[in-house]
PDB file of all heavy atoms in Angstrom:
ATOM      1  N   THR A   1     -13.999  15.625   6.725  1.00  0.00           N
ATOM      2  CA  THR A   1     -13.707  14.344   7.382  1.00  0.00           C
ATOM      3  C   THR A   1     -13.512  13.224   6.355  1.00  0.00           C
ATOM      4  O   THR A   1     -12.600  12.399   6.455  1.00  0.00           O
ATOM      5  CB  THR A   1     -14.861  13.979   8.333  1.00  0.00           C
ATOM      6  OG1 THR A   1     -15.035  15.024   9.287  1.00  0.00           O
ATOM      7  CG2 THR A   1     -14.549  12.671   9.057  1.00  0.00           C
ATOM      8  N   LEU A   2     -14.374  13.196   5.341  1.00  0.00           N
ATOM      9  CA  LEU A   2     -14.261  12.181   4.289  1.00  0.00           C
ATOM     10  C   LEU A   2     -12.942  12.311   3.528  1.00  0.00           C
ATOM     11  O   LEU A   2     -12.306  11.301   3.180  1.00  0.00           O
ATOM     12  CB  LEU A   2     -15.450  12.286   3.311  1.00  0.00           C
ATOM     13  CG  LEU A   2     -16.791  11.762   3.808  1.00  0.00           C
ATOM     14  CD1 LEU A   2     -17.882  12.072   2.789  1.00  0.00           C
ATOM     15  CD2 LEU A   2     -16.723  10.261   4.056  1.00  0.00           C
ATOM     16  N   ASN A   3     -12.529  13.518   3.208  1.00  0.00           N
ATOM     17  CA  ASN A   3     -11.255  13.723   2.501  1.00  0.00           C
ATOM     18  C   ASN A   3     -10.090  13.189   3.322  1.00  0.00           C
ATOM     19  O   ASN A   3      -9.156  12.583   2.790  1.00  0.00           O
ATOM     20  CB  ASN A   3     -11.054  15.210   2.210  1.00  0.00           C
ATOM     21  CG  ASN A   3     -11.938  15.682   1.060  1.00  0.00           C
ATOM     22  OD1 ASN A   3     -12.281  14.893   0.171  1.00  0.00           O
ATOM     23  ND2 ASN A   3     -12.313  16.956   1.061  1.00  0.00           N
ATOM     24  N   GLU A   4     -10.169  13.431   4.657  1.00  0.00           N
ATOM     25  CA  GLU A   4      -9.106  12.913   5.526  1.00  0.00           C
ATOM     26  C   GLU A   4      -9.090  11.394   5.497  1.00  0.00           C
ATOM     27  O   GLU A   4      -8.025  10.760   5.427  1.00  0.00           O
ATOM     28  CB  GLU A   4      -9.323  13.426   6.953  1.00  0.00           C
ATOM     29  CG  GLU A   4      -9.087  14.936   7.098  1.00  0.00           C
ATOM     30  CD  GLU A   4      -9.390  15.421   8.512  1.00  0.00           C
ATOM     31  OE1 GLU A   4      -9.895  14.589   9.312  1.00  0.00           O
ATOM     32  OE2 GLU A   4      -9.122  16.596   8.794  1.00  0.00           O
ATOM     33  N   ARG A   5     -10.311  10.818   5.569  1.00  0.00           N
ATOM     34  CA  ARG A   5     -10.387   9.358   5.524  1.00  0.00           C
ATOM     35  C   ARG A   5      -9.857   8.813   4.196  1.00  0.00           C
ATOM     36  O   ARG A   5      -9.164   7.799   4.142  1.00  0.00           O
ATOM     37  CB  ARG A   5     -11.830   8.909   5.737  1.00  0.00           C
ATOM     38  CG  ARG A   5     -12.332   9.146   7.157  1.00  0.00           C
ATOM     39  CD  ARG A   5     -13.820   8.870   7.247  1.00  0.00           C
ATOM     40  NE  ARG A   5     -14.136   7.484   6.904  1.00  0.00           N
ATOM     41  CZ  ARG A   5     -15.379   7.016   6.745  1.00  0.00           C
ATOM     42  NH1 ARG A   5     -16.415   7.844   6.870  1.00  0.00           N
ATOM     43  NH2 ARG A   5     -15.590   5.756   6.439  1.00  0.00           N
ATOM     44  N   LEU A   6     -10.213   9.506   3.079  1.00  0.00           N
ATOM     45  CA  LEU A   6      -9.722   9.066   1.752  1.00  0.00           C
ATOM     46  C   LEU A   6      -8.216   9.159   1.663  1.00  0.00           C
ATOM     47  O   LEU A   6      -7.554   8.283   1.078  1.00  0.00           O
ATOM     48  CB  LEU A   6     -10.380   9.908   0.645  1.00  0.00           C
ATOM     49  CG  LEU A   6     -11.867   9.640   0.390  1.00  0.00           C
ATOM     50  CD1 LEU A   6     -12.424  10.656  -0.607  1.00  0.00           C
ATOM     51  CD2 LEU A   6     -12.082   8.225  -0.148  1.00  0.00           C
ATOM     52  N   ASN A   7      -7.654  10.241   2.218  1.00  0.00           N
ATOM     53  CA  ASN A   7      -6.188  10.384   2.204  1.00  0.00           C
ATOM     54  C   ASN A   7      -5.534   9.264   2.982  1.00  0.00           C
ATOM     55  O   ASN A   7      -4.515   8.693   2.573  1.00  0.00           O
ATOM     56  CB  ASN A   7      -5.788  11.740   2.786  1.00  0.00           C
ATOM     57  CG  ASN A   7      -6.133  12.886   1.848  1.00  0.00           C
ATOM     58  OD1 ASN A   7      -6.177  12.696   0.633  1.00  0.00           O
ATOM     59  ND2 ASN A   7      -6.382  14.074   2.398  1.00  0.00           N
ATOM     60  N   ASN A   8      -6.153   8.947   4.152  1.00  0.00           N
ATOM     61  CA  ASN A   8      -5.607   7.849   4.959  1.00  0.00           C
ATOM     62  C   ASN A   8      -5.679   6.525   4.208  1.00  0.00           C
ATOM     63  O   ASN A   8      -4.748   5.716   4.227  1.00  0.00           O
ATOM     64  CB  ASN A   8      -6.367   7.751   6.288  1.00  0.00           C
ATOM     65  CG  ASN A   8      -6.105   8.948   7.188  1.00  0.00           C
ATOM     66  OD1 ASN A   8      -5.041   9.574   7.088  1.00  0.00           O
ATOM     67  ND2 ASN A   8      -7.053   9.263   8.065  1.00  0.00           N
ATOM     68  N   LEU A   9      -6.855   6.318   3.526  1.00  0.00           N
ATOM     69  CA  LEU A   9      -6.991   5.088   2.742  1.00  0.00           C
ATOM     70  C   LEU A   9      -5.985   5.024   1.606  1.00  0.00           C
ATOM     71  O   LEU A   9      -5.423   3.974   1.294  1.00  0.00           O
ATOM     72  CB  LEU A   9      -8.422   4.975   2.189  1.00  0.00           C
ATOM     73  CG  LEU A   9      -9.515   4.645   3.206  1.00  0.00           C
ATOM     74  CD1 LEU A   9     -10.885   4.745   2.548  1.00  0.00           C
ATOM     75  CD2 LEU A   9      -9.305   3.234   3.772  1.00  0.00           C
ATOM     76  N   ASN A  10      -5.742   6.147   0.930  1.00  0.00           N
ATOM     77  CA  ASN A  10      -4.796   6.195  -0.174  1.00  0.00           C
ATOM     78  C   ASN A  10      -3.391   5.873   0.305  1.00  0.00           C
ATOM     79  O   ASN A  10      -2.646   5.114  -0.320  1.00  0.00           O
ATOM     80  CB  ASN A  10      -4.838   7.575  -0.820  1.00  0.00           C
ATOM     81  CG  ASN A  10      -3.987   7.647  -2.071  1.00  0.00           C
ATOM     82  OD1 ASN A  10      -3.987   6.729  -2.882  1.00  0.00           O
ATOM     83  ND2 ASN A  10      -3.264   8.739  -2.240  1.00  0.00           N
ATOM     84  N   GLN A  11      -3.019   6.475   1.480  1.00  0.00           N
ATOM     85  CA  GLN A  11      -1.699   6.183   2.027  1.00  0.00           C
ATOM     86  C   GLN A  11      -1.591   4.714   2.404  1.00  0.00           C
ATOM     87  O   GLN A  11      -0.557   4.069   2.204  1.00  0.00           O
ATOM     88  CB  GLN A  11      -1.450   7.083   3.244  1.00  0.00           C
ATOM     89  CG  GLN A  11      -1.281   8.554   2.884  1.00  0.00           C
ATOM     90  CD  GLN A  11      -1.101   9.437   4.120  1.00  0.00           C
ATOM     91  OE1 GLN A  11      -1.157   8.930   5.247  1.00  0.00           O
ATOM     92  NE2 GLN A  11      -0.911  10.730   3.907  1.00  0.00           N
ATOM     93  N   SER A  12      -2.694   4.180   2.938  1.00  0.00           N
ATOM     94  CA  SER A  12      -2.693   2.762   3.294  1.00  0.00           C
ATOM     95  C   SER A  12      -2.545   1.885   2.053  1.00  0.00           C
ATOM     96  O   SER A  12      -1.844   0.870   2.073  1.00  0.00           O
ATOM     97  CB  SER A  12      -4.002   2.428   4.026  1.00  0.00           C
ATOM     98  OG  SER A  12      -4.072   1.048   4.314  1.00  0.00           O
ATOM     99  N   ASN A  13      -3.173   2.291   0.933  1.00  0.00           N
ATOM    100  CA  ASN A  13      -3.064   1.540  -0.327  1.00  0.00           C
ATOM    101  C   ASN A  13      -1.636   1.562  -0.854  1.00  0.00           C
ATOM    102  O   ASN A  13      -1.121   0.554  -1.338  1.00  0.00           O
ATOM    103  CB  ASN A  13      -4.028   2.133  -1.350  1.00  0.00           C
ATOM    104  CG  ASN A  13      -4.071   1.313  -2.633  1.00  0.00           C
ATOM    105  OD1 ASN A  13      -4.193   0.094  -2.586  1.00  0.00           O
ATOM    106  ND2 ASN A  13      -3.976   1.983  -3.767  1.00  0.00           N
ATOM    107  N   ILE A  14      -0.965   2.719  -0.769  1.00  0.00           N
ATOM    108  CA  ILE A  14       0.434   2.827  -1.211  1.00  0.00           C
ATOM    109  C   ILE A  14       1.318   1.900  -0.391  1.00  0.00           C
ATOM    110  O   ILE A  14       2.179   1.178  -0.927  1.00  0.00           O
ATOM    111  CB  ILE A  14       0.925   4.275  -1.100  1.00  0.00           C
ATOM    112  CG1 ILE A  14       0.171   5.165  -2.106  1.00  0.00           C
ATOM    113  CG2 ILE A  14       2.419   4.373  -1.344  1.00  0.00           C
ATOM    114  CD1 ILE A  14       0.450   6.640  -1.947  1.00  0.00           C
ATOM    115  N   SER A  15       1.081   1.890   0.926  1.00  0.00           N
ATOM    116  CA  SER A  15       1.868   1.009   1.793  1.00  0.00           C
ATOM    117  C   SER A  15       1.630  -0.449   1.440  1.00  0.00           C
ATOM    118  O   SER A  15       2.551  -1.265   1.394  1.00  0.00           O
ATOM    119  CB  SER A  15       1.493   1.265   3.264  1.00  0.00           C
ATOM    120  OG  SER A  15       1.746   2.606   3.621  1.00  0.00           O
ATOM    121  N   THR A  16       0.343  -0.755   1.181  1.00  0.00           N
ATOM    122  CA  THR A  16       0.013  -2.146   0.807  1.00  0.00           C
ATOM    123  C   THR A  16       0.710  -2.549  -0.488  1.00  0.00           C
ATOM    124  O   THR A  16       1.232  -3.664  -0.605  1.00  0.00           O
ATOM    125  CB  THR A  16      -1.510  -2.289   0.650  1.00  0.00           C
ATOM    126  OG1 THR A  16      -2.157  -1.910   1.855  1.00  0.00           O
ATOM    127  CG2 THR A  16      -1.880  -3.730   0.320  1.00  0.00           C
ATOM    128  N   ASN A  17       0.734  -1.632  -1.481  1.00  0.00           N
ATOM    129  CA  ASN A  17       1.401  -1.932  -2.760  1.00  0.00           C
ATOM    130  C   ASN A  17       2.890  -2.177  -2.553  1.00  0.00           C
ATOM    131  O   ASN A  17       3.485  -3.065  -3.187  1.00  0.00           O
ATOM    132  CB  ASN A  17       1.189  -0.791  -3.746  1.00  0.00           C
ATOM    133  CG  ASN A  17      -0.239  -0.736  -4.249  1.00  0.00           C
ATOM    134  OD1 ASN A  17      -0.958  -1.744  -4.233  1.00  0.00           O
ATOM    135  ND2 ASN A  17      -0.677   0.437  -4.696  1.00  0.00           N
ATOM    136  N   LYS A  18       3.493  -1.392  -1.662  1.00  0.00           N
ATOM    137  CA  LYS A  18       4.920  -1.582  -1.390  1.00  0.00           C
ATOM    138  C   LYS A  18       5.169  -2.946  -0.767  1.00  0.00           C
ATOM    139  O   LYS A  18       6.117  -3.645  -1.118  1.00  0.00           O
ATOM    140  CB  LYS A  18       5.429  -0.475  -0.467  1.00  0.00           C
ATOM    141  CG  LYS A  18       5.526   0.884  -1.129  1.00  0.00           C
ATOM    142  CD  LYS A  18       6.104   1.917  -0.168  1.00  0.00           C
ATOM    143  CE  LYS A  18       6.238   3.280  -0.857  1.00  0.00           C
ATOM    144  NZ  LYS A  18       6.762   4.319   0.065  1.00  0.00           N
ATOM    145  N   ILE A  19       4.293  -3.319   0.147  1.00  0.00           N
ATOM    146  CA  ILE A  19       4.442  -4.635   0.786  1.00  0.00           C
ATOM    147  C   ILE A  19       4.295  -5.756  -0.246  1.00  0.00           C
ATOM    148  O   ILE A  19       5.046  -6.727  -0.267  1.00  0.00           O
ATOM    149  CB  ILE A  19       3.409  -4.786   1.921  1.00  0.00           C
ATOM    150  CG1 ILE A  19       3.700  -3.797   3.046  1.00  0.00           C
ATOM    151  CG2 ILE A  19       3.397  -6.214   2.456  1.00  0.00           C
ATOM    152  CD1 ILE A  19       2.631  -3.752   4.116  1.00  0.00           C
ATOM    153  N   VAL A  20       3.278  -5.582  -1.134  1.00  0.00           N
ATOM    154  CA  VAL A  20       3.057  -6.589  -2.180  1.00  0.00           C
ATOM    155  C   VAL A  20       4.285  -6.693  -3.096  1.00  0.00           C
ATOM    156  O   VAL A  20       4.715  -7.790  -3.464  1.00  0.00           O
ATOM    157  CB  VAL A  20       1.798  -6.234  -2.998  1.00  0.00           C
ATOM    158  CG1 VAL A  20       1.691  -7.146  -4.232  1.00  0.00           C
ATOM    159  CG2 VAL A  20       0.550  -6.386  -2.146  1.00  0.00           C
ATOM    160  N   GLU A  21       4.861  -5.536  -3.475  1.00  0.00           N
ATOM    161  CA  GLU A  21       6.053  -5.544  -4.335  1.00  0.00           C
ATOM    162  C   GLU A  21       7.215  -6.252  -3.647  1.00  0.00           C
ATOM    163  O   GLU A  21       7.956  -7.021  -4.269  1.00  0.00           O
ATOM    164  CB  GLU A  21       6.436  -4.108  -4.693  1.00  0.00           C
ATOM    165  CG  GLU A  21       5.455  -3.440  -5.653  1.00  0.00           C
ATOM    166  CD  GLU A  21       5.843  -1.991  -5.922  1.00  0.00           C
ATOM    167  OE1 GLU A  21       6.841  -1.537  -5.341  1.00  0.00           O
ATOM    168  OE2 GLU A  21       5.124  -1.334  -6.719  1.00  0.00           O
ATOM    169  N   GLN A  22       7.384  -5.970  -2.362  1.00  0.00           N
ATOM    170  CA  GLN A  22       8.460  -6.633  -1.622  1.00  0.00           C
ATOM    171  C   GLN A  22       8.262  -8.144  -1.579  1.00  0.00           C
ATOM    172  O   GLN A  22       9.200  -8.924  -1.790  1.00  0.00           O
ATOM    173  CB  GLN A  22       8.530  -6.058  -0.205  1.00  0.00           C
ATOM    174  CG  GLN A  22       8.989  -4.600  -0.147  1.00  0.00           C
ATOM    175  CD  GLN A  22       8.892  -4.016   1.253  1.00  0.00           C
ATOM    176  OE1 GLN A  22       8.426  -4.688   2.186  1.00  0.00           O
ATOM    177  NE2 GLN A  22       9.321  -2.759   1.392  1.00  0.00           N
ATOM    178  N   LEU A  23       7.008  -8.547  -1.323  1.00  0.00           N
ATOM    179  CA  LEU A  23       6.716  -9.985  -1.288  1.00  0.00           C
ATOM    180  C   LEU A  23       6.919 -10.634  -2.662  1.00  0.00           C
ATOM    181  O   LEU A  23       7.412 -11.756  -2.761  1.00  0.00           O
ATOM    182  CB  LEU A  23       5.279 -10.211  -0.804  1.00  0.00           C
ATOM    183  CG  LEU A  23       4.998  -9.849   0.658  1.00  0.00           C
ATOM    184  CD1 LEU A  23       3.518  -9.993   0.961  1.00  0.00           C
ATOM    185  CD2 LEU A  23       5.806 -10.744   1.593  1.00  0.00           C
ATOM    186  N   GLU A  24       6.513  -9.938  -3.736  1.00  0.00           N
ATOM    187  CA  GLU A  24       6.704 -10.473  -5.092  1.00  0.00           C
ATOM    188  C   GLU A  24       8.182 -10.626  -5.410  1.00  0.00           C
ATOM    189  O   GLU A  24       8.611 -11.612  -6.020  1.00  0.00           O
ATOM    190  CB  GLU A  24       6.034  -9.533  -6.106  1.00  0.00           C
ATOM    191  CG  GLU A  24       6.168  -9.964  -7.551  1.00  0.00           C
ATOM    192  CD  GLU A  24       5.458 -11.266  -7.856  1.00  0.00           C
ATOM    193  OE1 GLU A  24       4.563 -11.666  -7.071  1.00  0.00           O
ATOM    194  OE2 GLU A  24       5.800 -11.893  -8.869  1.00  0.00           O
ATOM    195  N   SER A  25       8.982  -9.642  -4.986  1.00  0.00           N
ATOM    196  CA  SER A  25      10.428  -9.720  -5.205  1.00  0.00           C
ATOM    197  C   SER A  25      11.020 -10.918  -4.474  1.00  0.00           C
ATOM    198  O   SER A  25      11.856 -11.641  -5.018  1.00  0.00           O
ATOM    199  CB  SER A  25      11.088  -8.425  -4.747  1.00  0.00           C
ATOM    200  OG  SER A  25      12.485  -8.509  -4.883  1.00  0.00           O
ATOM    201  N   LYS A  26      10.548 -11.143  -3.231  1.00  0.00           N
ATOM    202  CA  LYS A  26      11.031 -12.290  -2.476  1.00  0.00           C
ATOM    203  C   LYS A  26      10.601 -13.591  -3.140  1.00  0.00           C
ATOM    204  O   LYS A  26      11.349 -14.568  -3.170  1.00  0.00           O
ATOM    205  CB  LYS A  26      10.495 -12.228  -1.051  1.00  0.00           C
ATOM    206  CG  LYS A  26      11.134 -11.128  -0.204  1.00  0.00           C
ATOM    207  CD  LYS A  26      10.584 -11.146   1.215  1.00  0.00           C
ATOM    208  CE  LYS A  26      11.230 -10.043   2.063  1.00  0.00           C
ATOM    209  NZ  LYS A  26      10.711 -10.042   3.455  1.00  0.00           N
ATOM    210  N   ARG A  27       9.364 -13.616  -3.692  1.00  0.00           N
ATOM    211  CA  ARG A  27       8.885 -14.816  -4.368  1.00  0.00           C
ATOM    212  C   ARG A  27       9.760 -15.163  -5.576  1.00  0.00           C
ATOM    213  O   ARG A  27      10.127 -16.315  -5.788  1.00  0.00           O
ATOM    214  CB  ARG A  27       7.433 -14.623  -4.816  1.00  0.00           C
ATOM    215  CG  ARG A  27       6.784 -15.881  -5.393  1.00  0.00           C
ATOM    216  CD  ARG A  27       5.447 -15.575  -6.015  1.00  0.00           C
ATOM    217  NE  ARG A  27       5.602 -14.815  -7.226  1.00  0.00           N
ATOM    218  CZ  ARG A  27       5.918 -15.357  -8.415  1.00  0.00           C
ATOM    219  NH1 ARG A  27       6.108 -16.660  -8.520  1.00  0.00           N
ATOM    220  NH2 ARG A  27       6.048 -14.595  -9.483  1.00  0.00           N
ATOM    221  N   LYS A  28      10.071 -14.120  -6.389  1.00  0.00           N
ATOM    222  CA  LYS A  28      10.933 -14.353  -7.561  1.00  0.00           C
ATOM    223  C   LYS A  28      12.308 -14.855  -7.147  1.00  0.00           C
ATOM    224  O   LYS A  28      12.889 -15.723  -7.796  1.00  0.00           O
ATOM    225  CB  LYS A  28      11.058 -13.065  -8.369  1.00  0.00           C
ATOM    226  CG  LYS A  28       9.767 -12.639  -9.064  1.00  0.00           C
ATOM    227  CD  LYS A  28       9.982 -11.356  -9.850  1.00  0.00           C
ATOM    228  CE  LYS A  28       8.682 -10.954 -10.567  1.00  0.00           C
ATOM    229  NZ  LYS A  28       8.847  -9.687 -11.315  1.00  0.00           N
ATOM    230  N   GLN A  29      12.826 -14.293  -6.073  1.00  0.00           N
ATOM    231  CA  GLN A  29      14.127 -14.723  -5.596  1.00  0.00           C
ATOM    232  C   GLN A  29      14.093 -16.182  -5.174  1.00  0.00           C
ATOM    233  O   GLN A  29      15.007 -16.970  -5.464  1.00  0.00           O
ATOM    234  CB  GLN A  29      14.561 -13.825  -4.417  1.00  0.00           C
ATOM    235  CG  GLN A  29      15.945 -14.154  -3.869  1.00  0.00           C
ATOM    236  CD  GLN A  29      17.029 -13.870  -4.895  1.00  0.00           C
ATOM    237  OE1 GLN A  29      16.937 -12.914  -5.654  1.00  0.00           O
ATOM    238  NE2 GLN A  29      18.048 -14.709  -4.939  1.00  0.00           N
TER     239      GLN A  29
END
């Protein structure tokens, strides 16, 4: 169960990083 939760958290972190990158790109623009 913990491994599943960690995988979900990791996927959520990747999504968050993508959102942050998109926002940073918009900020630079």
